[in-house]
Amino acid sequence: MDISTIIGIISGFGLVFLAIFVGGGFGWFVSIPSIMIVVGGTIGATLINYPLKDVLRIFMVVRNVVFHSLPSRTEVIESMVHFAQVTRKEGILALENESGKISDPFMAKGLALAIDGLEPEVISSILETEIEYIEERHRLGAEVFTTMGTFAPAMGMVGTLIGLVQMLMQMEDPSKIGPAMAVALLTTFYGVILANLICLPIAGKLKTRSQEEILLKEVITEGIRSIQAGDNPRIVENKLHAYVPPDERRSAFLQ
């Protein structure tokens, strides 16, 4: 689970709810018509903009944002150095015994291609195509949430206009002015919350996660190329340390 995401959700929504409770009652800020306008309008506009399958896929994306954690680059480098040591001692076919212990599908696929004896250019092409697909998938998820974050405040303004029209049409009845004005203001409130506390932060998190994951995949690809080339484990480690800040580098040969 991503702790920063959880802390951000708790602090962001917590402060908003605290301000609501301190200033009055929670019931004042609940309006079913306003929710229908903002949420329904945002989803409808997003469905017009993207195919249904792409919109439905964002639920999986949200789960990955909150619960999925990536291994550190240092851990990946340690694994690649270990594989290089096994290959150096027993040959690349010995990695078949290690492949069953690998939880990362991308790493397992790359090692399987190397074990099968494919040419380095072919392996690089396959893995780079895989990386491009992952990058495109993440880009689409972030784009959908960015689009929703753009539409939500606009839907809030639509609700505000509806509420103002209802208010102006009922000026002769003062008892109906308040509810109409509440709809007008709450739709803007919901639109801002949906955009700035949910959609846009998730889009930003997806972009950051995508960069981290792509970098890890590049480390794995470079490691597999070095292992297949028969590089000394020290050389493999030195090559992969280029992807890690100097203060985070740990050598397996200095213990």
Protein backbone atom coordinates (compact mmCIF):
# COMPACT_ATOMS: atom_id res chain seq x y z
CA MET A 1 0.00 0.00 0.00
CA ASP A 2 1.25 3.47 -0.89
CA ILE A 3 1.47 5.33 2.44
CA SER A 4 1.76 8.78 0.87
CA THR A 5 -1.52 8.28 -1.01
CA ILE A 6 -3.33 7.21 2.16
CA ILE A 7 -1.89 10.14 4.15
CA GLY A 8 -2.87 12.54 1.37
CA ILE A 9 -6.45 11.24 1.26
CA ILE A 10 -6.84 11.38 5.04
CA SER A 11 -5.33 14.85 5.41
CA GLY A 12 -7.10 16.34 2.38
CA PHE A 13 -10.59 15.03 3.09
CA GLY A 14 -10.07 15.17 6.85
CA LEU A 15 -9.44 18.91 6.84
CA VAL A 16 -12.42 19.54 4.57
CA PHE A 17 -14.76 17.48 6.77
CA LEU A 18 -13.35 19.12 9.89
CA ALA A 19 -14.11 22.57 8.47
CA ILE A 20 -17.64 21.40 7.62
CA PHE A 21 -18.33 20.07 11.12
CA VAL A 22 -16.80 23.09 12.85
CA GLY A 23 -18.82 25.54 10.76
CA GLY A 24 -22.16 23.76 10.99
CA GLY A 25 -23.79 20.47 10.17
CA PHE A 26 -22.72 17.84 7.67
CA GLY A 27 -26.27 17.66 6.35
CA TRP A 28 -25.95 21.19 5.00
CA PHE A 29 -23.40 19.94 2.48
CA VAL A 30 -25.39 16.96 1.19
CA SER A 31 -27.42 17.55 -1.96
CA ILE A 32 -28.50 14.60 -4.08
CA PRO A 33 -29.31 16.78 -7.14
CA SER A 34 -25.87 18.38 -6.94
CA ILE A 35 -24.17 14.97 -6.73
CA MET A 36 -26.18 13.74 -9.71
CA ILE A 37 -25.20 16.76 -11.79
CA VAL A 38 -21.48 16.66 -10.99
CA VAL A 39 -20.81 12.92 -10.85
CA GLY A 40 -23.27 11.97 -13.58
CA GLY A 41 -22.18 14.81 -15.84
CA THR A 42 -18.48 14.06 -15.35
CA ILE A 43 -18.93 10.36 -16.08
CA GLY A 44 -21.14 11.10 -19.08
CA ALA A 45 -18.67 13.57 -20.58
CA THR A 46 -15.82 11.12 -20.00
CA LEU A 47 -17.74 8.33 -21.73
CA ILE A 48 -18.27 10.60 -24.71
CA ASN A 49 -14.55 11.29 -24.79
CA TYR A 50 -13.27 7.69 -24.37
CA PRO A 51 -14.40 4.15 -25.23
CA LEU A 52 -16.29 2.33 -22.47
CA LYS A 53 -13.55 -0.29 -22.00
CA ASP A 54 -10.95 2.42 -21.32
CA VAL A 55 -13.18 4.09 -18.72
CA LEU A 56 -13.96 0.77 -16.98
CA ARG A 57 -10.25 -0.02 -16.87
CA ILE A 58 -9.60 2.97 -14.59
CA PHE A 59 -11.00 1.03 -11.62
CA MET A 60 -8.02 -1.32 -11.90
CA VAL A 61 -5.79 1.73 -12.22
CA VAL A 62 -7.16 3.20 -8.98
CA ARG A 63 -6.44 -0.04 -7.16
CA ASN A 64 -2.85 0.03 -8.43
CA VAL A 65 -2.41 3.62 -7.26
CA VAL A 66 -3.46 2.86 -3.68
CA PHE A 67 -2.32 -0.72 -3.08
CA HIS A 68 0.44 -1.56 -5.55
CA SER A 69 4.03 -1.03 -4.42
CA LEU A 70 7.10 -1.27 -6.63
CA PRO A 71 10.40 -2.81 -5.57
CA SER A 72 13.30 -0.44 -5.16
CA ARG A 73 15.93 -0.14 -7.89
CA THR A 74 18.51 -1.40 -5.39
CA GLU A 75 16.53 -4.61 -4.87
CA VAL A 76 16.23 -5.13 -8.62
CA ILE A 77 19.98 -4.59 -9.08
CA GLU A 78 20.75 -7.10 -6.32
CA SER A 79 18.57 -9.67 -8.08
CA MET A 80 20.25 -9.07 -11.43
CA VAL A 81 23.73 -9.36 -9.86
CA HIS A 82 22.67 -12.65 -8.26
CA PHE A 83 21.49 -13.96 -11.63
CA ALA A 84 24.80 -12.86 -13.16
CA GLN A 85 26.70 -14.80 -10.49
CA VAL A 86 24.62 -17.94 -11.12
CA THR A 87 25.17 -17.60 -14.87
CA ARG A 88 28.90 -17.06 -14.38
CA LYS A 89 29.24 -20.22 -12.28
CA GLU A 90 26.76 -22.65 -13.83
CA GLY A 91 25.75 -21.21 -17.21
CA ILE A 92 22.64 -19.38 -18.31
CA LEU A 93 20.50 -22.52 -18.30
CA ALA A 94 20.89 -22.64 -14.52
CA LEU A 95 18.58 -19.63 -14.35
CA GLU A 96 15.66 -21.98 -15.01
CA ASN A 97 15.85 -22.92 -11.33
CA GLU A 98 15.61 -19.23 -10.39
CA SER A 99 12.75 -18.27 -12.70
CA GLY A 100 10.12 -19.92 -10.51
CA LYS A 101 11.05 -17.63 -7.61
CA ILE A 102 10.53 -14.40 -9.57
CA SER A 103 7.32 -12.49 -8.82
CA ASP A 104 7.85 -9.79 -11.48
CA PRO A 105 6.34 -11.03 -14.79
CA PHE A 106 8.52 -8.67 -16.83
CA MET A 107 11.74 -9.95 -15.24
CA ALA A 108 10.61 -13.56 -15.58
CA LYS A 109 9.80 -13.02 -19.25
CA GLY A 110 13.18 -11.42 -19.97
CA LEU A 111 15.10 -14.22 -18.26
CA ALA A 112 13.03 -16.84 -20.09
CA LEU A 113 13.94 -15.23 -23.42
CA ALA A 114 17.61 -15.23 -22.45
CA ILE A 115 17.44 -18.88 -21.36
CA ASP A 116 15.85 -19.79 -24.69
CA GLY A 117 18.93 -18.40 -26.41
CA LEU A 118 17.33 -15.63 -28.47
CA GLU A 119 19.59 -13.04 -30.03
CA PRO A 120 20.24 -9.97 -27.85
CA GLU A 121 18.65 -7.68 -30.45
CA VAL A 122 15.48 -9.78 -30.46
CA ILE A 123 15.27 -9.79 -26.66
CA SER A 124 15.81 -6.04 -26.52
CA SER A 125 13.12 -5.47 -29.14
CA ILE A 126 10.58 -7.64 -27.30
CA LEU A 127 11.23 -6.05 -23.91
CA GLU A 128 11.25 -2.51 -25.29
CA THR A 129 7.90 -3.15 -27.00
CA GLU A 130 6.56 -4.39 -23.65
CA ILE A 131 7.82 -1.21 -21.97
CA GLU A 132 6.15 0.95 -24.60
CA TYR A 133 2.83 -0.84 -24.04
CA ILE A 134 3.08 -0.36 -20.25
CA GLU A 135 3.88 3.32 -20.76
CA GLU A 136 0.91 3.77 -23.10
CA ARG A 137 -1.44 2.01 -20.67
CA HIS A 138 -0.35 4.25 -17.81
CA ARG A 139 -0.55 7.33 -20.00
CA LEU A 140 -4.14 6.53 -20.92
CA GLY A 141 -5.13 6.00 -17.29
CA ALA A 142 -3.60 9.33 -16.26
CA GLU A 143 -5.23 11.03 -19.25
CA VAL A 144 -8.69 9.74 -18.32
CA PHE A 145 -8.37 11.08 -14.79
CA THR A 146 -7.01 14.40 -16.05
CA THR A 147 -10.02 14.65 -18.36
CA MET A 148 -12.38 13.90 -15.48
CA GLY A 149 -10.61 16.54 -13.41
CA THR A 150 -11.23 19.02 -16.22
CA PHE A 151 -14.91 18.14 -16.64
CA ALA A 152 -15.84 18.08 -12.92
CA PRO A 153 -15.58 21.85 -12.24
CA ALA A 154 -17.38 22.52 -15.53
CA MET A 155 -20.24 20.26 -14.40
CA GLY A 156 -20.21 22.18 -11.12
CA MET A 157 -20.75 25.40 -13.05
CA VAL A 158 -23.62 23.78 -14.94
CA GLY A 159 -25.23 22.91 -11.62
CA THR A 160 -24.64 26.45 -10.39
CA LEU A 161 -26.47 27.85 -13.43
CA ILE A 162 -29.34 25.40 -12.90
CA GLY A 163 -29.62 26.43 -9.26
CA LEU A 164 -29.56 30.12 -10.12
CA VAL A 165 -32.30 29.68 -12.73
CA GLN A 166 -34.44 27.78 -10.22
CA MET A 167 -33.85 30.49 -7.63
CA LEU A 168 -34.76 33.32 -9.99
CA MET A 169 -37.90 31.52 -11.16
CA GLN A 170 -39.12 31.21 -7.56
CA MET A 171 -38.35 34.67 -6.22
CA GLU A 172 -41.99 35.12 -5.21
CA ASP A 173 -41.63 32.22 -2.72
CA PRO A 174 -38.78 33.01 -0.28
CA SER A 175 -38.91 29.50 1.21
CA LYS A 176 -37.70 27.99 -2.08
CA ILE A 177 -34.82 30.38 -2.65
CA GLY A 178 -32.57 28.73 -0.06
CA PRO A 179 -32.68 25.15 -1.47
CA ALA A 180 -32.16 26.41 -5.03
CA MET A 181 -29.19 28.50 -3.92
CA ALA A 182 -27.78 25.49 -2.05
CA VAL A 183 -27.87 23.44 -5.25
CA ALA A 184 -26.13 26.29 -7.06
CA LEU A 185 -23.28 26.48 -4.56
CA LEU A 186 -22.92 22.80 -3.70
CA THR A 187 -22.48 21.69 -7.30
CA THR A 188 -19.49 24.01 -7.62
CA PHE A 189 -18.19 22.68 -4.29
CA TYR A 190 -18.56 19.04 -5.42
CA GLY A 191 -16.93 19.77 -8.76
CA VAL A 192 -13.89 21.37 -7.12
CA ILE A 193 -13.54 18.51 -4.60
CA LEU A 194 -13.89 15.82 -7.27
CA ALA A 195 -11.31 17.49 -9.50
CA ASN A 196 -8.70 18.64 -6.98
CA LEU A 197 -8.86 15.97 -4.29
CA ILE A 198 -9.56 12.89 -6.42
CA CYS A 199 -9.10 13.03 -10.19
CA LEU A 200 -6.10 15.31 -10.68
CA PRO A 201 -4.08 13.87 -7.74
CA ILE A 202 -4.68 10.34 -9.05
CA ALA A 203 -3.56 11.44 -12.53
CA GLY A 204 -0.39 12.92 -11.04
CA LYS A 205 0.27 9.78 -9.00
CA LEU A 206 -0.15 7.62 -12.11
CA LYS A 207 2.38 9.70 -14.03
CA THR A 208 4.90 9.40 -11.19
CA ARG A 209 4.28 5.66 -10.82
CA SER A 210 4.64 5.20 -14.56
CA GLN A 211 8.05 6.89 -14.57
CA GLU A 212 9.20 4.73 -11.66
CA GLU A 213 7.99 1.51 -13.25
CA ILE A 214 9.45 2.30 -16.67
CA LEU A 215 12.82 3.03 -15.06
CA LEU A 216 12.72 -0.32 -13.24
CA LYS A 217 11.92 -2.09 -16.49
CA GLU A 218 14.88 -0.38 -18.16
CA VAL A 219 17.15 -1.56 -15.31
CA ILE A 220 15.91 -5.12 -15.81
CA THR A 221 16.38 -4.93 -19.59
CA GLU A 222 19.94 -3.65 -19.25
CA GLY A 223 20.70 -6.33 -16.65
CA ILE A 224 19.42 -9.14 -18.86
CA ARG A 225 21.46 -7.83 -21.79
CA SER A 226 24.59 -7.84 -19.62
CA ILE A 227 23.89 -11.32 -18.26
CA GLN A 228 23.35 -12.72 -21.74
CA ALA A 229 26.57 -11.09 -22.90
CA GLY A 230 28.44 -12.95 -20.16
CA ASP A 231 29.56 -9.85 -18.27
CA ASN A 232 31.28 -10.25 -14.93
CA PRO A 233 28.80 -9.72 -12.03
CA ARG A 234 30.84 -6.69 -10.92
CA ILE A 235 30.46 -5.20 -14.40
CA VAL A 236 26.72 -5.88 -14.31
CA GLU A 237 26.44 -4.12 -10.98
CA ASN A 238 28.46 -1.12 -12.15
CA LYS A 239 26.32 -0.77 -15.28
CA LEU A 240 23.08 -0.86 -13.31
CA HIS A 241 24.31 1.52 -10.63
CA ALA A 242 24.08 4.25 -13.26
CA TYR A 243 20.31 4.13 -12.69
CA VAL A 244 20.65 4.77 -8.94
CA PRO A 245 21.67 7.97 -7.11
CA PRO A 246 25.21 7.66 -5.63
CA ASP A 247 24.00 7.82 -2.03
CA GLU A 248 21.68 4.82 -2.59
CA ARG A 249 24.20 2.51 -4.25
CA ARG A 250 25.05 -0.70 -2.38
CA SER A 251 27.62 -3.15 -3.65
CA ALA A 252 27.24 -6.90 -3.15
CA PHE A 253 31.03 -7.25 -3.32
CA LEU A 254 31.94 -5.02 -0.36
CA GLN A 255 30.35 -7.09 2.38
